[in-house]
Protein backbone atom coordinates (compact mmCIF):
# COMPACT_ATOMS: atom_id res chain seq x y z
CA MET A 1 0.00 0.00 0.00
CA THR A 2 1.37 3.40 -0.92
CA THR A 3 2.02 5.99 1.76
CA GLU A 4 -0.70 8.23 0.31
CA LEU A 5 -3.27 5.43 0.38
CA ARG A 6 -2.27 4.47 3.93
CA GLU A 7 -2.73 8.09 5.07
CA LEU A 8 -6.13 8.30 3.35
CA TYR A 9 -7.16 5.02 4.97
CA GLN A 10 -6.18 6.33 8.41
CA GLN A 11 -7.93 9.68 7.87
CA VAL A 12 -11.19 8.10 6.72
CA ILE A 13 -11.22 5.55 9.54
CA LEU A 14 -10.55 8.23 12.17
CA ASP A 15 -13.16 10.61 10.73
CA HIS A 16 -15.92 7.98 10.67
CA ASN A 17 -14.93 6.76 14.13
CA LYS A 18 -15.11 10.23 15.67
CA LYS A 19 -18.22 11.32 13.73
CA PRO A 20 -20.06 8.18 12.66
CA ARG A 21 -22.83 8.73 10.14
CA ASN A 22 -26.28 7.24 10.81
CA PHE A 23 -25.37 6.43 14.43
CA HIS A 24 -28.79 6.33 16.10
CA VAL A 25 -31.81 4.13 16.66
CA LEU A 26 -33.93 4.24 13.53
CA GLU A 27 -37.68 4.41 14.08
CA GLY A 28 -40.03 2.61 11.72
CA THR A 29 -37.64 -0.17 10.82
CA ASN A 30 -38.77 -3.44 9.39
CA ARG A 31 -35.42 -5.25 9.62
CA THR A 32 -32.89 -5.35 12.43
CA ALA A 33 -29.94 -7.55 13.25
CA GLU A 34 -27.29 -7.75 15.91
CA GLY A 35 -23.63 -8.56 15.39
CA TYR A 36 -20.75 -9.36 17.70
CA ASN A 37 -17.00 -9.73 17.21
CA PRO A 38 -15.66 -11.55 20.28
CA LEU A 39 -12.04 -11.02 19.20
CA CYS A 40 -12.29 -7.24 19.54
CA GLY A 41 -15.48 -6.83 21.56
CA ASP A 42 -17.26 -4.99 18.75
CA GLN A 43 -21.06 -4.98 19.04
CA ILE A 44 -23.54 -3.57 16.54
CA THR A 45 -27.28 -3.31 16.17
CA LEU A 46 -28.30 -2.50 12.61
CA TYR A 47 -31.64 -0.95 11.72
CA LEU A 48 -33.08 -0.98 8.19
CA ARG A 49 -36.23 0.33 6.61
CA LEU A 50 -36.96 -1.51 3.37
CA GLU A 51 -39.68 -0.48 0.94
CA ASP A 52 -40.38 -1.98 -2.46
CA GLY A 53 -37.05 -3.79 -2.58
CA VAL A 54 -35.02 -0.68 -1.72
CA VAL A 55 -33.12 0.27 1.45
CA LYS A 56 -34.93 3.51 2.24
CA ASP A 57 -32.99 4.16 5.45
CA ALA A 58 -30.29 2.56 7.58
CA ALA A 59 -28.73 3.28 10.94
CA PHE A 60 -26.69 1.55 13.61
CA GLN A 61 -25.72 1.69 17.23
CA GLY A 62 -23.04 -0.12 19.12
CA LYS A 63 -19.54 0.02 20.38
CA GLY A 64 -16.26 -1.15 19.06
CA CYS A 65 -12.92 -0.31 17.59
CA ALA A 66 -12.37 2.47 15.08
CA ILE A 67 -12.40 0.11 12.10
CA SER A 68 -15.67 -1.51 13.13
CA LYS A 69 -17.43 1.80 13.73
CA ALA A 70 -16.07 3.37 10.53
CA SER A 71 -17.14 0.35 8.50
CA ALA A 72 -20.69 0.51 9.88
CA SER A 73 -20.82 4.26 9.30
CA MET A 74 -19.68 4.02 5.69
CA MET A 75 -21.82 0.95 5.04
CA THR A 76 -25.06 2.63 6.14
CA ALA A 77 -24.27 5.67 4.01
CA ALA A 78 -23.49 3.44 1.02
CA VAL A 79 -26.65 1.32 1.09
CA ILE A 80 -29.33 3.98 1.64
CA GLY A 81 -31.37 4.34 -1.53
CA LYS A 82 -29.97 1.17 -3.12
CA PRO A 83 -32.06 -1.73 -4.41
CA LEU A 84 -31.46 -5.02 -2.59
CA ASP A 85 -29.62 -6.63 -5.51
CA GLU A 86 -27.13 -3.74 -5.55
CA VAL A 87 -26.68 -4.00 -1.77
CA GLU A 88 -25.98 -7.74 -2.08
CA SER A 89 -23.51 -7.11 -4.89
CA LEU A 90 -21.77 -4.43 -2.80
CA PHE A 91 -21.55 -6.87 0.13
CA GLN A 92 -20.00 -9.55 -2.09
CA ARG A 93 -17.45 -7.19 -3.69
CA LEU A 94 -16.39 -5.74 -0.35
CA HIS A 95 -16.11 -9.16 1.26
CA THR A 96 -14.02 -10.42 -1.65
CA MET A 97 -11.73 -7.39 -1.42
CA LEU A 98 -11.26 -7.75 2.35
CA THR A 99 -10.68 -11.48 2.42
CA GLY A 100 -8.15 -11.26 -0.40
CA GLU A 101 -9.83 -13.79 -2.64
CA THR A 102 -8.66 -14.05 -6.25
CA GLY A 103 -9.35 -10.91 -8.22
CA ALA A 104 -9.92 -8.85 -5.08
CA SER A 105 -9.91 -5.12 -5.80
CA GLY A 106 -11.75 -2.03 -4.76
CA ASP A 107 -13.26 -1.54 -8.22
CA GLY A 108 -16.85 -0.40 -8.05
CA LEU A 109 -16.74 0.26 -4.32
CA GLY A 110 -16.24 4.01 -4.37
CA LYS A 111 -15.14 5.35 -0.99
CA LEU A 112 -15.43 1.86 0.51
CA ALA A 113 -12.27 0.90 -1.41
CA VAL A 114 -10.33 2.60 1.38
CA PHE A 115 -10.91 -0.57 3.42
CA ALA A 116 -8.50 -2.43 1.12
CA GLY A 117 -5.89 -1.34 3.67
CA VAL A 118 -7.41 -3.67 6.24
CA ARG A 119 -5.99 -6.64 4.32
CA GLU A 120 -2.57 -5.67 5.65
CA PHE A 121 -3.88 -6.42 9.16
CA PRO A 122 -5.56 -9.86 8.96
CA SER A 123 -6.72 -9.74 12.58
CA ARG A 124 -8.73 -6.60 11.76
CA VAL A 125 -10.66 -8.03 8.79
CA LYS A 126 -13.40 -9.27 11.14
CA CYS A 127 -13.71 -5.76 12.55
CA ALA A 128 -14.30 -4.36 9.06
CA THR A 129 -16.71 -7.10 7.97
CA LEU A 130 -18.88 -7.28 11.11
CA ALA A 131 -21.30 -4.56 9.97
CA TRP A 132 -21.54 -6.14 6.53
CA HIS A 133 -22.32 -9.60 7.86
CA THR A 134 -24.90 -8.00 10.16
CA LEU A 135 -26.40 -6.25 7.12
CA HIS A 136 -26.57 -9.55 5.26
CA ALA A 137 -28.30 -11.19 8.23
CA ALA A 138 -30.84 -8.35 8.44
CA LEU A 139 -31.64 -8.63 4.75
CA CYS A 140 -32.10 -12.40 5.07
CA GLY A 141 -34.31 -11.98 8.13
CA ALA A 142 -31.97 -13.97 10.39
CA ALA A 143 -33.10 -13.97 14.02
CA ALA A 144 -29.87 -15.11 15.68
CA PRO A 145 -27.11 -12.57 16.34
CA VAL A 146 -24.22 -12.64 13.88
CA SER A 147 -20.80 -13.58 15.25
CA THR A 148 -17.48 -13.27 13.48
CA GLU A 149 -16.32 -16.50 15.13
């Protein structure tokens, strides 16, 4: 990772950790899910309002490390207004990028591509993916809390 990209990664993570977007209980939700990362102690409750196959609104609450909170913040901002098939595609592309599977790149992820830097810290990948797995569970209607273990 270049020095410029590393600095951008750090700036974005710190900004979203200090001032997380969509960090509140969302009223009128029709999907919620809880997620937990025992390795880091991250906890998240995700709130979604879906209408006609579109994420009309999203919010979260919880506690955790800077990467976990920044990921949830950026995720909620990224999925609002998106149809469910686009949200699922975004989840798959981000997961592929973070887990380093073949062909992993930040193409098509916009600002979320900054999380490519997490690959350099394998123990932090679960922090970055917790919100996304929680999103996936909420969209599937899963009742059990999501765990990264």
